[in-house]
Amino acid sequence: MGLVNKLKNKLHLKILKKIPTHKQLIHFYNAIKANTEKLKVLLLIKAQKTIID
C-alpha cells in the first residue's frame, strides 16, 4: 500500500511540474496577444498593397 502511494505522489509531482504557473500563463497569453496584433497589422498592410496593385 505504501509503495503505491509513493508512486502516486511521484506522478503527481511530475504532473504538477509540467503544469504552467499563473505567471507563465499570463506571459504566454500576452505573447499570443502581441503576435495576434502583429498578424492583424501584417494582414492590413497586405490588404492595402493588394488594393493598390
N, C-alpha and C. Protein backbone atom coordinates (compact mmCIF):
# COMPACT_ATOMS: atom_id res chain seq x y z
N MET A 1 0.84 -1.20 0.00
CA MET A 1 0.00 0.00 0.00
C MET A 1 0.88 1.26 0.00
N GLY A 2 1.91 1.25 0.84
CA GLY A 2 2.80 2.40 0.95
C GLY A 2 3.51 2.70 -0.37
N LEU A 3 3.91 1.64 -1.07
CA LEU A 3 4.62 1.79 -2.33
C LEU A 3 3.73 2.45 -3.39
N VAL A 4 2.48 2.01 -3.44
CA VAL A 4 1.53 2.57 -4.41
C VAL A 4 1.35 4.06 -4.15
N ASN A 5 1.21 4.43 -2.90
CA ASN A 5 1.05 5.84 -2.56
C ASN A 5 2.27 6.65 -2.93
N LYS A 6 3.46 6.08 -2.71
CA LYS A 6 4.71 6.76 -3.08
C LYS A 6 4.76 7.03 -4.58
N LEU A 7 4.38 6.01 -5.35
CA LEU A 7 4.37 6.16 -6.81
C LEU A 7 3.36 7.21 -7.24
N LYS A 8 2.20 7.19 -6.61
CA LYS A 8 1.15 8.17 -6.93
C LYS A 8 1.66 9.59 -6.65
N ASN A 9 2.31 9.76 -5.51
CA ASN A 9 2.84 11.07 -5.15
C ASN A 9 3.90 11.54 -6.13
N LYS A 10 4.77 10.61 -6.56
CA LYS A 10 5.82 10.94 -7.53
C LYS A 10 5.19 11.41 -8.84
N LEU A 11 4.19 10.66 -9.30
CA LEU A 11 3.50 11.01 -10.54
C LEU A 11 2.85 12.38 -10.41
N HIS A 12 2.23 12.59 -9.26
CA HIS A 12 1.52 13.85 -9.01
C HIS A 12 2.49 15.03 -9.08
N LEU A 13 3.67 14.87 -8.49
CA LEU A 13 4.68 15.92 -8.52
C LEU A 13 5.16 16.19 -9.93
N LYS A 14 5.36 15.11 -10.70
CA LYS A 14 5.80 15.26 -12.09
C LYS A 14 4.77 16.04 -12.89
N ILE A 15 3.50 15.70 -12.68
CA ILE A 15 2.41 16.39 -13.40
C ILE A 15 2.37 17.85 -12.98
N LEU A 16 2.48 18.10 -11.69
CA LEU A 16 2.44 19.47 -11.18
C LEU A 16 3.55 20.32 -11.78
N LYS A 17 4.74 19.72 -11.93
CA LYS A 17 5.88 20.46 -12.50
C LYS A 17 5.61 20.84 -13.95
N LYS A 18 4.81 20.01 -14.65
CA LYS A 18 4.54 20.27 -16.06
C LYS A 18 3.45 21.31 -16.27
N ILE A 19 2.60 21.50 -15.24
CA ILE A 19 1.52 22.48 -15.36
C ILE A 19 2.15 23.88 -15.26
N PRO A 20 1.90 24.74 -16.24
CA PRO A 20 2.49 26.09 -16.18
C PRO A 20 1.93 26.89 -15.01
N THR A 21 2.77 27.74 -14.45
CA THR A 21 2.35 28.58 -13.34
C THR A 21 1.48 29.71 -13.88
N HIS A 22 0.84 30.41 -12.99
CA HIS A 22 -0.03 31.53 -13.36
C HIS A 22 0.74 32.58 -14.14
N LYS A 23 1.96 32.88 -13.67
CA LYS A 23 2.82 33.87 -14.34
C LYS A 23 3.13 33.44 -15.77
N GLN A 24 3.48 32.15 -15.94
CA GLN A 24 3.80 31.63 -17.26
C GLN A 24 2.59 31.73 -18.18
N LEU A 25 1.41 31.45 -17.64
CA LEU A 25 0.19 31.51 -18.44
C LEU A 25 -0.08 32.94 -18.90
N ILE A 26 0.10 33.90 -18.00
CA ILE A 26 -0.09 35.31 -18.35
C ILE A 26 0.90 35.71 -19.43
N HIS A 27 2.16 35.30 -19.26
CA HIS A 27 3.22 35.61 -20.22
C HIS A 27 2.87 35.03 -21.59
N PHE A 28 2.41 33.78 -21.58
CA PHE A 28 2.03 33.07 -22.79
C PHE A 28 0.87 33.79 -23.47
N TYR A 29 -0.12 34.17 -22.67
CA TYR A 29 -1.31 34.87 -23.19
C TYR A 29 -0.91 36.20 -23.82
N ASN A 30 -0.04 36.94 -23.14
CA ASN A 30 0.41 38.23 -23.67
C ASN A 30 1.20 38.05 -24.96
N ALA A 31 2.01 37.00 -25.04
CA ALA A 31 2.78 36.72 -26.24
C ALA A 31 1.84 36.43 -27.41
N ILE A 32 0.82 35.64 -27.16
CA ILE A 32 -0.16 35.32 -28.20
C ILE A 32 -0.88 36.59 -28.64
N LYS A 33 -1.26 37.41 -27.65
CA LYS A 33 -1.97 38.66 -27.96
C LYS A 33 -1.11 39.57 -28.83
N ALA A 34 0.17 39.68 -28.48
CA ALA A 34 1.10 40.52 -29.23
C ALA A 34 1.25 40.00 -30.66
N ASN A 35 1.38 38.67 -30.79
CA ASN A 35 1.51 38.07 -32.12
C ASN A 35 0.25 38.27 -32.95
N THR A 36 -0.89 38.20 -32.30
CA THR A 36 -2.17 38.41 -32.99
C THR A 36 -2.23 39.83 -33.53
N GLU A 37 -1.79 40.79 -32.71
CA GLU A 37 -1.77 42.18 -33.15
C GLU A 37 -0.86 42.36 -34.35
N LYS A 38 0.32 41.73 -34.29
CA LYS A 38 1.29 41.80 -35.40
C LYS A 38 0.67 41.23 -36.67
N LEU A 39 -0.01 40.10 -36.53
CA LEU A 39 -0.65 39.46 -37.68
C LEU A 39 -1.71 40.37 -38.28
N LYS A 40 -2.50 41.01 -37.43
CA LYS A 40 -3.55 41.92 -37.91
C LYS A 40 -2.93 43.04 -38.74
N VAL A 41 -1.84 43.61 -38.21
CA VAL A 41 -1.15 44.69 -38.91
C VAL A 41 -0.62 44.20 -40.26
N LEU A 42 0.03 43.03 -40.25
CA LEU A 42 0.56 42.46 -41.48
C LEU A 42 -0.55 42.22 -42.50
N LEU A 43 -1.67 41.70 -42.03
CA LEU A 43 -2.80 41.43 -42.93
C LEU A 43 -3.35 42.73 -43.50
N LEU A 44 -3.41 43.77 -42.67
CA LEU A 44 -3.90 45.07 -43.13
C LEU A 44 -2.97 45.62 -44.21
N ILE A 45 -1.67 45.55 -43.96
CA ILE A 45 -0.68 46.03 -44.93
C ILE A 45 -0.82 45.25 -46.23
N LYS A 46 -0.95 43.94 -46.12
CA LYS A 46 -1.08 43.08 -47.29
C LYS A 46 -2.34 43.45 -48.07
N ALA A 47 -3.43 43.65 -47.34
CA ALA A 47 -4.71 44.01 -47.96
C ALA A 47 -4.58 45.34 -48.71
N GLN A 48 -3.93 46.31 -48.09
CA GLN A 48 -3.75 47.62 -48.72
C GLN A 48 -2.89 47.50 -49.97
N LYS A 49 -1.82 46.71 -49.89
CA LYS A 49 -0.94 46.51 -51.05
C LYS A 49 -1.71 45.88 -52.19
N THR A 50 -2.56 44.91 -51.85
CA THR A 50 -3.35 44.22 -52.87
C THR A 50 -4.29 45.20 -53.55
N ILE A 51 -4.89 46.10 -52.76
CA ILE A 51 -5.81 47.10 -53.33
C ILE A 51 -5.05 48.05 -54.25
N ILE A 52 -3.85 48.47 -53.80
CA ILE A 52 -3.04 49.40 -54.58
C ILE A 52 -2.58 48.76 -55.89
N ASP A 53 -2.15 47.49 -55.83
CA ASP A 53 -1.61 46.82 -57.03
C ASP A 53 -2.62 46.65 -58.10
